[in-house]
């Protein structure tokens, strides 16, 4: 798996209870030429021509499932603070260093609440970046003080994760994005990709009112290959719908690549389709798990806000 790296040292992090992500640049510096970026020795100290001075700090966020998300994000400071940080960075007095500034990255799902919020950070461990200890903004302060739904927050990160994350597909459908896969949305399809496996998921709605789920499924399977019974599975859904899958290994590709096609068709005419591709035959169980994770929730408010 390609896992996140520590926001301080850059080493791979695989602890499911702590997930680190680092932001390479402040938002205001994205897209600027490299010659306008001046790093003061440490990669956490940055001056950007015509933009300002920045120090990378750690923003800890409590998530459900006993998980902590640690964001290595940028705080904009005045030139004097950046100079002071540069002087102390490799000095014993760094242990007492603190700073005030404004948050310089927009991070979902908090949107614009964090960007521009006034913060205070201080060194908690001389071997690590300063840690944000206070956010002086009514909405943004809750990022520090509340626990947040892990799936809702982590599904906003397209990078590989060390944990499985249930991902919202829209229209109350969701699916499991397993550890180690990137995420992207293109042309109405959610894509999850890794070095040796991939997933594509899309939603459909029956355009024939009142058609039975089995008949809608039959229409979706029109033209599909006829596989052996051992390569097919069918299960009922609790609402009277049906879950169906088949899998095969095409003979015309240059290397072994197994394909899995899964459907979940509800009695209300909505459906989800998943396509999984994997190199290892043993990953059939993984593909079946993705298929069975397709779920349609009741019409309740998603946990988009803090819990507790």
C-alpha atoms as a PDB file:
ATOM      1  CA  UNK A   1       0.000   0.000   0.000  1.00  0.00           C
ATOM      2  CA  UNK A   2       1.051   3.563  -0.627  1.00  0.00           C
ATOM      3  CA  UNK A   3       0.431   5.144   2.751  1.00  0.00           C
ATOM      4  CA  UNK A   4       0.543   8.732   4.034  1.00  0.00           C
ATOM      5  CA  UNK A   5       3.830  10.103   5.337  1.00  0.00           C
ATOM      6  CA  UNK A   6       4.510  11.788   8.645  1.00  0.00           C
ATOM      7  CA  UNK A   7       3.925  15.544   8.497  1.00  0.00           C
ATOM      8  CA  UNK A   8       7.209  16.049  10.387  1.00  0.00           C
ATOM      9  CA  UNK A   9       9.785  13.576   9.088  1.00  0.00           C
ATOM     10  CA  UNK A  10       8.265  12.245   5.872  1.00  0.00           C
ATOM     11  CA  UNK A  11       8.396   8.578   6.944  1.00  0.00           C
ATOM     12  CA  UNK A  12       5.494   6.307   5.999  1.00  0.00           C
ATOM     13  CA  UNK A  13       2.785   6.128   8.649  1.00  0.00           C
ATOM     14  CA  UNK A  14       0.697   2.970   8.972  1.00  0.00           C
ATOM     15  CA  UNK A  15      -0.819   3.388  12.448  1.00  0.00           C
ATOM     16  CA  UNK A  16      -4.596   3.296  12.042  1.00  0.00           C
ATOM     17  CA  UNK A  17      -4.995   5.432  15.178  1.00  0.00           C
ATOM     18  CA  UNK A  18      -2.954   8.341  13.788  1.00  0.00           C
ATOM     19  CA  UNK A  19      -3.088   9.535  10.196  1.00  0.00           C
ATOM     20  CA  UNK A  20      -0.696  12.258   9.023  1.00  0.00           C
ATOM     21  CA  UNK A  21      -1.027  14.459   5.963  1.00  0.00           C
ATOM     22  CA  UNK A  22       1.311  17.251   4.934  1.00  0.00           C
ATOM     23  CA  UNK A  23       0.523  20.194   2.656  1.00  0.00           C
ATOM     24  CA  UNK A  24       3.451  21.074   0.404  1.00  0.00           C
ATOM     25  CA  UNK A  25       2.562  24.764   0.049  1.00  0.00           C
ATOM     26  CA  UNK A  26       0.196  27.404   1.407  1.00  0.00           C
ATOM     27  CA  UNK A  27      -2.802  27.929  -0.860  1.00  0.00           C
ATOM     28  CA  UNK A  28      -1.581  31.408  -1.867  1.00  0.00           C
ATOM     29  CA  UNK A  29       1.658  29.916  -3.231  1.00  0.00           C
ATOM     30  CA  UNK A  30       0.111  27.199  -5.388  1.00  0.00           C
ATOM     31  CA  UNK A  31       1.022  27.602  -9.045  1.00  0.00           C
ATOM     32  CA  UNK A  32       3.745  30.175  -8.446  1.00  0.00           C
ATOM     33  CA  UNK A  33       7.165  29.685 -10.081  1.00  0.00           C
ATOM     34  CA  UNK A  34       9.779  27.906  -8.001  1.00  0.00           C
ATOM     35  CA  UNK A  35      12.066  30.929  -8.042  1.00  0.00           C
ATOM     36  CA  UNK A  36       9.509  32.868  -5.987  1.00  0.00           C
ATOM     37  CA  UNK A  37       9.652  30.287  -3.182  1.00  0.00           C
ATOM     38  CA  UNK A  38      12.439  30.708  -0.626  1.00  0.00           C
ATOM     39  CA  UNK A  39      12.884  27.936   1.949  1.00  0.00           C
ATOM     40  CA  UNK A  40      14.900  28.978   4.968  1.00  0.00           C
ATOM     41  CA  UNK A  41      16.916  25.826   5.562  1.00  0.00           C
ATOM     42  CA  UNK A  42      14.083  23.772   7.058  1.00  0.00           C
ATOM     43  CA  UNK A  43      11.314  22.753   4.703  1.00  0.00           C
ATOM     44  CA  UNK A  44       8.818  24.083   7.258  1.00  0.00           C
ATOM     45  CA  UNK A  45       9.969  27.707   6.857  1.00  0.00           C
ATOM     46  CA  UNK A  46       8.965  29.548   3.698  1.00  0.00           C
ATOM     47  CA  UNK A  47       9.007  33.064   2.296  1.00  0.00           C
ATOM     48  CA  UNK A  48       7.052  33.671  -0.924  1.00  0.00           C
ATOM     49  CA  UNK A  49       7.818  36.737  -3.025  1.00  0.00           C
ATOM     50  CA  UNK A  50       4.890  39.140  -3.056  1.00  0.00           C
ATOM     51  CA  UNK A  51       2.789  36.833  -0.867  1.00  0.00           C
ATOM     52  CA  UNK A  52       4.198  36.550   2.654  1.00  0.00           C
ATOM     53  CA  UNK A  53       5.986  34.401   5.240  1.00  0.00           C
ATOM     54  CA  UNK A  54       4.829  30.982   6.393  1.00  0.00           C
ATOM     55  CA  UNK A  55       5.637  28.314   8.986  1.00  0.00           C
ATOM     56  CA  UNK A  56       4.323  24.780   8.704  1.00  0.00           C
ATOM     57  CA  UNK A  57       2.582  23.622  11.887  1.00  0.00           C
ATOM     58  CA  UNK A  58       0.713  20.550  13.051  1.00  0.00           C
ATOM     59  CA  UNK A  59      -3.076  20.718  13.384  1.00  0.00           C
ATOM     60  CA  UNK A  60      -4.418  17.721  15.369  1.00  0.00           C
ATOM     61  CA  UNK A  61      -8.037  16.720  14.716  1.00  0.00           C
ATOM     62  CA  UNK A  62      -9.900  14.093  16.762  1.00  0.00           C
ATOM     63  CA  UNK A  63     -11.905  11.599  14.716  1.00  0.00           C
ATOM     64  CA  UNK A  64     -14.286   8.838  15.706  1.00  0.00           C
ATOM     65  CA  UNK A  65     -13.031   5.222  15.896  1.00  0.00           C
ATOM     66  CA  UNK A  66     -10.325   6.438  18.298  1.00  0.00           C
ATOM     67  CA  UNK A  67      -8.400   8.019  15.411  1.00  0.00           C
ATOM     68  CA  UNK A  68      -6.362  11.222  15.257  1.00  0.00           C
ATOM     69  CA  UNK A  69      -5.776  13.137  12.029  1.00  0.00           C
ATOM     70  CA  UNK A  70      -2.625  15.283  12.126  1.00  0.00           C
ATOM     71  CA  UNK A  71      -2.369  17.896   9.388  1.00  0.00           C
ATOM     72  CA  UNK A  72       0.978  19.453   8.550  1.00  0.00           C
ATOM     73  CA  UNK A  73      -0.443  22.749   7.280  1.00  0.00           C
ATOM     74  CA  UNK A  74       0.826  26.293   6.863  1.00  0.00           C
ATOM     75  CA  UNK A  75       0.347  29.334   9.093  1.00  0.00           C
ATOM     76  CA  UNK A  76       1.042  32.792   7.679  1.00  0.00           C
ATOM     77  CA  UNK A  77       3.184  34.912  10.013  1.00  0.00           C
ATOM     78  CA  UNK A  78       4.983  38.250   9.850  1.00  0.00           C
ATOM     79  CA  UNK A  79       8.566  38.442   8.609  1.00  0.00           C
ATOM     80  CA  UNK A  80       9.952  38.914  12.134  1.00  0.00           C
ATOM     81  CA  UNK A  81       8.344  35.671  13.356  1.00  0.00           C
ATOM     82  CA  UNK A  82       9.724  33.750  10.388  1.00  0.00           C
ATOM     83  CA  UNK A  83      13.183  35.169  11.076  1.00  0.00           C
ATOM     84  CA  UNK A  84      12.938  34.231  14.746  1.00  0.00           C
ATOM     85  CA  UNK A  85      11.885  30.678  13.828  1.00  0.00           C
ATOM     86  CA  UNK A  86      14.871  30.422  11.504  1.00  0.00           C
ATOM     87  CA  UNK A  87      17.242  31.497  14.281  1.00  0.00           C
ATOM     88  CA  UNK A  88      15.831  29.019  16.804  1.00  0.00           C
ATOM     89  CA  UNK A  89      15.092  26.016  14.557  1.00  0.00           C
ATOM     90  CA  UNK A  90      18.277  24.110  15.429  1.00  0.00           C
ATOM     91  CA  UNK A  91      18.766  25.817  18.802  1.00  0.00           C
ATOM     92  CA  UNK A  92      17.852  24.589  22.290  1.00  0.00           C
ATOM     93  CA  UNK A  93      15.549  27.593  22.732  1.00  0.00           C
ATOM     94  CA  UNK A  94      13.295  26.184  19.979  1.00  0.00           C
ATOM     95  CA  UNK A  95      11.583  24.157  22.727  1.00  0.00           C
ATOM     96  CA  UNK A  96      10.049  27.410  24.033  1.00  0.00           C
ATOM     97  CA  UNK A  97       9.070  28.820  20.640  1.00  0.00           C
ATOM     98  CA  UNK A  98       5.466  29.902  19.996  1.00  0.00           C
ATOM     99  CA  UNK A  99       3.822  31.872  17.220  1.00  0.00           C
ATOM    100  CA  UNK A 100       0.609  33.567  16.151  1.00  0.00           C
ATOM    101  CA  UNK A 101      -0.651  33.881  12.612  1.00  0.00           C
ATOM    102  CA  UNK A 102      -3.458  32.958  10.251  1.00  0.00           C
ATOM    103  CA  UNK A 103      -4.215  29.539   8.800  1.00  0.00           C
ATOM    104  CA  UNK A 104      -3.092  29.366   5.154  1.00  0.00           C
ATOM    105  CA  UNK A 105      -4.680  26.177   3.782  1.00  0.00           C
ATOM    106  CA  UNK A 106      -8.276  25.411   2.849  1.00  0.00           C
ATOM    107  CA  UNK A 107      -9.073  21.920   4.106  1.00  0.00           C
ATOM    108  CA  UNK A 108     -12.269  19.994   3.517  1.00  0.00           C
ATOM    109  CA  UNK A 109     -14.761  19.384   5.008  1.00  0.00           C
ATOM    110  CA  UNK A 110     -14.267  22.657   6.892  1.00  0.00           C
ATOM    111  CA  UNK A 111     -14.039  24.741   3.726  1.00  0.00           C
ATOM    112  CA  UNK A 112     -13.368  28.418   4.302  1.00  0.00           C
ATOM    113  CA  UNK A 113     -13.793  28.247   8.079  1.00  0.00           C
ATOM    114  CA  UNK A 114     -10.121  27.444   8.633  1.00  0.00           C
ATOM    115  CA  UNK A 115      -8.572  29.538   5.865  1.00  0.00           C
ATOM    116  CA  UNK A 116      -7.607  32.918   7.344  1.00  0.00           C
ATOM    117  CA  UNK A 117      -8.560  31.972  10.919  1.00  0.00           C
ATOM    118  CA  UNK A 118      -6.239  33.375  13.604  1.00  0.00           C
ATOM    119  CA  UNK A 119      -4.283  30.638  15.381  1.00  0.00           C
ATOM    120  CA  UNK A 120      -1.642  30.164  18.038  1.00  0.00           C
ATOM    121  CA  UNK A 121       0.919  27.372  17.816  1.00  0.00           C
ATOM    122  CA  UNK A 122       3.653  26.303  20.181  1.00  0.00           C
ATOM    123  CA  UNK A 123       6.345  23.656  20.317  1.00  0.00           C
ATOM    124  CA  UNK A 124       5.298  20.574  22.283  1.00  0.00           C
ATOM    125  CA  UNK A 125       8.207  18.361  21.201  1.00  0.00           C
ATOM    126  CA  UNK A 126      11.571  19.901  20.164  1.00  0.00           C
ATOM    127  CA  UNK A 127      11.871  17.217  17.478  1.00  0.00           C
ATOM    128  CA  UNK A 128       8.601  18.174  15.795  1.00  0.00           C
ATOM    129  CA  UNK A 129       6.811  21.105  14.209  1.00  0.00           C
ATOM    130  CA  UNK A 130       4.883  23.601  16.356  1.00  0.00           C
ATOM    131  CA  UNK A 131       1.375  22.410  17.234  1.00  0.00           C
ATOM    132  CA  UNK A 132      -1.743  24.555  16.812  1.00  0.00           C
ATOM    133  CA  UNK A 133      -3.203  24.923  20.307  1.00  0.00           C
ATOM    134  CA  UNK A 134      -5.797  27.654  19.735  1.00  0.00           C
ATOM    135  CA  UNK A 135      -8.022  28.729  16.855  1.00  0.00           C
ATOM    136  CA  UNK A 136      -9.658  32.118  17.369  1.00  0.00           C
ATOM    137  CA  UNK A 137     -12.686  31.739  15.116  1.00  0.00           C
ATOM    138  CA  UNK A 138     -16.184  30.654  16.298  1.00  0.00           C
ATOM    139  CA  UNK A 139     -16.644  27.946  13.662  1.00  0.00           C
ATOM    140  CA  UNK A 140     -13.037  26.958  13.011  1.00  0.00           C
ATOM    141  CA  UNK A 141     -12.271  26.510  16.718  1.00  0.00           C
ATOM    142  CA  UNK A 142     -14.499  23.429  16.724  1.00  0.00           C
ATOM    143  CA  UNK A 143     -11.923  21.676  14.527  1.00  0.00           C
ATOM    144  CA  UNK A 144      -9.704  21.462  17.615  1.00  0.00           C
ATOM    145  CA  UNK A 145     -12.291  20.961  20.331  1.00  0.00           C
ATOM    146  CA  UNK A 146     -14.695  18.375  18.843  1.00  0.00           C
ATOM    147  CA  UNK A 147     -14.513  14.824  17.532  1.00  0.00           C
ATOM    148  CA  UNK A 148     -15.471  14.394  13.874  1.00  0.00           C
ATOM    149  CA  UNK A 149     -16.941  11.520  11.906  1.00  0.00           C
ATOM    150  CA  UNK A 150     -13.923   9.653  10.526  1.00  0.00           C
ATOM    151  CA  UNK A 151     -15.505   8.545   7.243  1.00  0.00           C
ATOM    152  CA  UNK A 152     -16.918  11.977   6.504  1.00  0.00           C
ATOM    153  CA  UNK A 153     -13.555  13.681   7.017  1.00  0.00           C
ATOM    154  CA  UNK A 154     -11.179  11.129   5.485  1.00  0.00           C
ATOM    155  CA  UNK A 155     -13.297  10.555   2.385  1.00  0.00           C
ATOM    156  CA  UNK A 156     -12.405  14.160   1.423  1.00  0.00           C
ATOM    157  CA  UNK A 157      -8.740  13.152   1.086  1.00  0.00           C
ATOM    158  CA  UNK A 158      -7.939  11.630  -2.329  1.00  0.00           C
ATOM    159  CA  UNK A 159      -4.605  10.256  -1.143  1.00  0.00           C
ATOM    160  CA  UNK A 160      -4.090   6.618  -0.057  1.00  0.00           C
ATOM    161  CA  UNK A 161      -5.212   6.000   3.517  1.00  0.00           C
ATOM    162  CA  UNK A 162      -4.088   3.366   6.039  1.00  0.00           C
ATOM    163  CA  UNK A 163      -7.731   2.625   6.945  1.00  0.00           C
ATOM    164  CA  UNK A 164     -10.923   1.666   5.142  1.00  0.00           C
ATOM    165  CA  UNK A 165     -13.254   4.629   4.619  1.00  0.00           C
ATOM    166  CA  UNK A 166     -16.937   4.570   3.718  1.00  0.00           C
ATOM    167  CA  UNK A 167     -17.370   7.035   0.858  1.00  0.00           C
ATOM    168  CA  UNK A 168     -20.534   8.940  -0.027  1.00  0.00           C
ATOM    169  CA  UNK A 169     -21.539   8.359  -3.667  1.00  0.00           C
ATOM    170  CA  UNK A 170     -24.534  10.706  -3.644  1.00  0.00           C
ATOM    171  CA  UNK A 171     -28.279   9.989  -3.533  1.00  0.00           C
ATOM    172  CA  UNK A 172     -27.701   8.314  -0.123  1.00  0.00           C
ATOM    173  CA  UNK A 173     -25.552   5.572  -1.667  1.00  0.00           C
ATOM    174  CA  UNK A 174     -22.126   4.772  -0.208  1.00  0.00           C
ATOM    175  CA  UNK A 175     -19.344   2.243  -0.702  1.00  0.00           C
ATOM    176  CA  UNK A 176     -16.215   1.140   1.114  1.00  0.00           C
ATOM    177  CA  UNK A 177     -12.914   2.561  -0.148  1.00  0.00           C
ATOM    178  CA  UNK A 178     -10.321   0.160   1.172  1.00  0.00           C
ATOM    179  CA  UNK A 179      -6.918   1.114   2.585  1.00  0.00           C
ATOM    180  CA  UNK A 180      -4.161   2.028   0.150  1.00  0.00           C
ATOM    181  CA  UNK A 181      -6.367   3.323  -2.680  1.00  0.00           C
ATOM    182  CA  UNK A 182      -6.473   6.842  -4.105  1.00  0.00           C
ATOM    183  CA  UNK A 183      -9.827   8.462  -4.849  1.00  0.00           C
ATOM    184  CA  UNK A 184     -11.075  10.524  -7.785  1.00  0.00           C
ATOM    185  CA  UNK A 185     -14.388  11.455  -9.386  1.00  0.00           C
ATOM    186  CA  UNK A 186     -14.647  11.798 -13.141  1.00  0.00           C
ATOM    187  CA  UNK A 187     -17.517  11.690 -15.611  1.00  0.00           C
ATOM    188  CA  UNK A 188     -20.083  10.570 -13.044  1.00  0.00           C
ATOM    189  CA  UNK A 189     -17.914   7.709 -11.760  1.00  0.00           C
ATOM    190  CA  UNK A 190     -16.021   7.330  -8.494  1.00  0.00           C
ATOM    191  CA  UNK A 191     -12.575   5.791  -9.011  1.00  0.00           C
ATOM    192  CA  UNK A 192     -10.391   4.157  -6.350  1.00  0.00           C
ATOM    193  CA  UNK A 193      -6.967   3.030  -7.553  1.00  0.00           C
ATOM    194  CA  UNK A 194      -3.884   1.231  -6.277  1.00  0.00           C
ATOM    195  CA  UNK A 195      -0.817  -0.407  -7.817  1.00  0.00           C
ATOM    196  CA  UNK A 196      -2.484  -3.799  -8.342  1.00  0.00           C
ATOM    197  CA  UNK A 197      -6.221  -3.182  -7.935  1.00  0.00           C
ATOM    198  CA  UNK A 198      -8.809  -0.619  -8.929  1.00  0.00           C
ATOM    199  CA  UNK A 199     -12.482   0.166  -8.420  1.00  0.00           C
ATOM    200  CA  UNK A 200     -15.018   2.153 -10.439  1.00  0.00           C
ATOM    201  CA  UNK A 201     -18.496   2.851  -9.052  1.00  0.00           C
ATOM    202  CA  UNK A 202     -21.432   4.651 -10.616  1.00  0.00           C
ATOM    203  CA  UNK A 203     -25.117   5.138  -9.847  1.00  0.00           C
ATOM    204  CA  UNK A 204     -28.108   4.514 -12.110  1.00  0.00           C
ATOM    205  CA  UNK A 205     -31.864   5.099 -12.058  1.00  0.00           C
ATOM    206  CA  UNK A 206     -34.369   2.926 -13.894  1.00  0.00           C
ATOM    207  CA  UNK A 207     -36.153   4.915 -16.597  1.00  0.00           C
ATOM    208  CA  UNK A 208     -39.058   2.425 -16.678  1.00  0.00           C
ATOM    209  CA  UNK A 209     -41.423   3.339 -13.808  1.00  0.00           C
ATOM    210  CA  UNK A 210     -42.498   0.439 -11.611  1.00  0.00           C
ATOM    211  CA  UNK A 211     -40.209  -2.138 -13.191  1.00  0.00           C
ATOM    212  CA  UNK A 212     -39.278  -5.001 -10.864  1.00  0.00           C
ATOM    213  CA  UNK A 213     -35.670  -5.002  -9.613  1.00  0.00           C
ATOM    214  CA  UNK A 214     -35.009  -8.381 -11.271  1.00  0.00           C
ATOM    215  CA  UNK A 215     -36.144  -6.997 -14.622  1.00  0.00           C
ATOM    216  CA  UNK A 216     -34.043  -3.849 -14.245  1.00  0.00           C
ATOM    217  CA  UNK A 217     -31.069  -6.059 -13.405  1.00  0.00           C
ATOM    218  CA  UNK A 218     -31.724  -8.162 -16.494  1.00  0.00           C
ATOM    219  CA  UNK A 219     -31.645  -4.993 -18.605  1.00  0.00           C
ATOM    220  CA  UNK A 220     -28.351  -3.942 -17.004  1.00  0.00           C
ATOM    221  CA  UNK A 221     -26.879  -7.377 -17.750  1.00  0.00           C
ATOM    222  CA  UNK A 222     -27.926  -7.354 -21.395  1.00  0.00           C
ATOM    223  CA  UNK A 223     -24.835  -8.292 -23.413  1.00  0.00           C
ATOM    224  CA  UNK A 224     -22.809  -9.379 -20.376  1.00  0.00           C
ATOM    225  CA  UNK A 225     -20.717 -12.571 -20.759  1.00  0.00           C
ATOM    226  CA  UNK A 226     -22.284 -15.846 -19.632  1.00  0.00           C
ATOM    227  CA  UNK A 227     -20.033 -17.069 -16.836  1.00  0.00           C
ATOM    228  CA  UNK A 228     -20.155 -20.405 -15.036  1.00  0.00           C
ATOM    229  CA  UNK A 229     -22.398 -20.703 -11.953  1.00  0.00           C
ATOM    230  CA  UNK A 230     -19.279 -20.798  -9.763  1.00  0.00           C
ATOM    231  CA  UNK A 231     -18.425 -17.319 -11.063  1.00  0.00           C
ATOM    232  CA  UNK A 232     -21.771 -15.740 -10.193  1.00  0.00           C
ATOM    233  CA  UNK A 233     -23.488 -14.698  -6.971  1.00  0.00           C
ATOM    234  CA  UNK A 234     -26.945 -13.358  -6.198  1.00  0.00           C
ATOM    235  CA  UNK A 235     -28.345 -12.136  -2.896  1.00  0.00           C
ATOM    236  CA  UNK A 236     -31.584 -10.415  -1.868  1.00  0.00           C
ATOM    237  CA  UNK A 237     -31.659  -6.860  -0.518  1.00  0.00           C
ATOM    238  CA  UNK A 238     -33.770  -6.079   2.530  1.00  0.00           C
ATOM    239  CA  UNK A 239     -36.077  -3.737   0.587  1.00  0.00           C
ATOM    240  CA  UNK A 240     -37.018  -6.408  -1.969  1.00  0.00           C
ATOM    241  CA  UNK A 241     -34.214  -5.545  -4.348  1.00  0.00           C
ATOM    242  CA  UNK A 242     -31.379  -7.757  -5.504  1.00  0.00           C
ATOM    243  CA  UNK A 243     -27.595  -7.855  -5.348  1.00  0.00           C
ATOM    244  CA  UNK A 244     -25.849  -9.662  -8.224  1.00  0.00           C
ATOM    245  CA  UNK A 245     -22.231 -10.167  -9.322  1.00  0.00           C
ATOM    246  CA  UNK A 246     -20.143 -12.092 -11.803  1.00  0.00           C
ATOM    247  CA  UNK A 247     -16.402 -12.329 -12.344  1.00  0.00           C
ATOM    248  CA  UNK A 248     -14.006 -13.533 -15.007  1.00  0.00           C
ATOM    249  CA  UNK A 249     -10.413 -13.441 -16.227  1.00  0.00           C
ATOM    250  CA  UNK A 250     -10.141 -12.172 -19.819  1.00  0.00           C
ATOM    251  CA  UNK A 251      -7.801 -14.230 -21.999  1.00  0.00           C
ATOM    252  CA  UNK A 252      -6.711 -11.467 -24.348  1.00  0.00           C
ATOM    253  CA  UNK A 253      -4.788  -9.206 -21.995  1.00  0.00           C
ATOM    254  CA  UNK A 254      -1.011  -9.204 -21.734  1.00  0.00           C
ATOM    255  CA  UNK A 255      -0.931 -10.276 -18.085  1.00  0.00           C
ATOM    256  CA  UNK A 256      -3.325 -11.891 -15.623  1.00  0.00           C
ATOM    257  CA  UNK A 257      -5.978  -9.371 -14.668  1.00  0.00           C
ATOM    258  CA  UNK A 258      -9.153 -10.466 -12.980  1.00  0.00           C
ATOM    259  CA  UNK A 259     -12.407  -8.549 -13.424  1.00  0.00           C
ATOM    260  CA  UNK A 260     -15.390  -8.350 -11.100  1.00  0.00           C
ATOM    261  CA  UNK A 261     -18.765  -6.790 -11.957  1.00  0.00           C
ATOM    262  CA  UNK A 262     -21.252  -6.168  -9.158  1.00  0.00           C
ATOM    263  CA  UNK A 263     -24.727  -4.627  -8.984  1.00  0.00           C
ATOM    264  CA  UNK A 264     -27.100  -3.578  -6.224  1.00  0.00           C
ATOM    265  CA  UNK A 265     -30.627  -2.860  -7.494  1.00  0.00           C
ATOM    266  CA  UNK A 266     -33.228  -1.452  -5.116  1.00  0.00           C
ATOM    267  CA  UNK A 267     -37.000  -1.778  -5.268  1.00  0.00           C
ATOM    268  CA  UNK A 268     -37.331   1.995  -5.774  1.00  0.00           C
ATOM    269  CA  UNK A 269     -35.518   1.776  -9.141  1.00  0.00           C
ATOM    270  CA  UNK A 270     -32.157   3.098  -7.981  1.00  0.00           C
ATOM    271  CA  UNK A 271     -29.033   1.020  -8.502  1.00  0.00           C
ATOM    272  CA  UNK A 272     -25.269   1.053  -8.030  1.00  0.00           C
ATOM    273  CA  UNK A 273     -22.729  -0.727 -10.202  1.00  0.00           C
ATOM    274  CA  UNK A 274     -19.145  -1.545  -9.229  1.00  0.00           C
ATOM    275  CA  UNK A 275     -16.287  -2.770 -11.399  1.00  0.00           C
ATOM    276  CA  UNK A 276     -13.188  -4.151  -9.696  1.00  0.00           C
ATOM    277  CA  UNK A 277      -9.954  -5.112 -11.404  1.00  0.00           C
ATOM    278  CA  UNK A 278      -7.188  -6.975  -9.587  1.00  0.00           C
ATOM    279  CA  UNK A 279      -4.006  -8.879 -10.405  1.00  0.00           C
ATOM    280  CA  UNK A 280      -4.036 -11.431  -7.586  1.00  0.00           C
ATOM    281  CA  UNK A 281      -6.738 -14.092  -7.909  1.00  0.00           C
ATOM    282  CA  UNK A 282      -6.985 -14.186  -4.111  1.00  0.00           C
ATOM    283  CA  UNK A 283      -8.311 -10.609  -4.230  1.00  0.00           C
ATOM    284  CA  UNK A 284     -11.676 -11.954  -5.374  1.00  0.00           C
ATOM    285  CA  UNK A 285     -12.676 -11.840  -1.694  1.00  0.00           C
ATOM    286  CA  UNK A 286     -11.665  -8.168  -1.634  1.00  0.00           C
ATOM    287  CA  UNK A 287     -13.815  -7.418  -4.691  1.00  0.00           C
ATOM    288  CA  UNK A 288     -16.781  -9.243  -3.181  1.00  0.00           C
ATOM    289  CA  UNK A 289     -16.351  -7.191  -0.028  1.00  0.00           C
ATOM    290  CA  UNK A 290     -16.494  -3.969  -2.057  1.00  0.00           C
ATOM    291  CA  UNK A 291     -19.638  -5.204  -3.827  1.00  0.00           C
ATOM    292  CA  UNK A 292     -21.382  -6.138  -0.572  1.00  0.00           C
ATOM    293  CA  UNK A 293     -20.425  -2.766   0.929  1.00  0.00           C
ATOM    294  CA  UNK A 294     -22.679  -0.928  -1.557  1.00  0.00           C
ATOM    295  CA  UNK A 295     -25.320   0.533   0.727  1.00  0.00           C
ATOM    296  CA  UNK A 296     -28.275   2.876   0.521  1.00  0.00           C
ATOM    297  CA  UNK A 297     -29.005   4.704   3.762  1.00  0.00           C
ATOM    298  CA  UNK A 298     -32.283   6.081   5.049  1.00  0.00           C
ATOM    299  CA  UNK A 299     -32.936   9.790   4.522  1.00  0.00           C
ATOM    300  CA  UNK A 300     -31.097  11.054   7.594  1.00  0.00           C
ATOM    301  CA  UNK A 301     -28.685  13.936   8.018  1.00  0.00           C
ATOM    302  CA  UNK A 302     -25.100  12.877   7.307  1.00  0.00           C
ATOM    303  CA  UNK A 303     -22.574  13.430  10.046  1.00  0.00           C
ATOM    304  CA  UNK A 304     -21.137  16.518   8.394  1.00  0.00           C
ATOM    305  CA  UNK A 305     -20.657  18.294  11.679  1.00  0.00           C
ATOM    306  CA  UNK A 306     -18.765  17.577  14.840  1.00  0.00           C
ATOM    307  CA  UNK A 307     -19.838  14.809  17.170  1.00  0.00           C
ATOM    308  CA  UNK A 308     -20.058  15.854  20.771  1.00  0.00           C
END
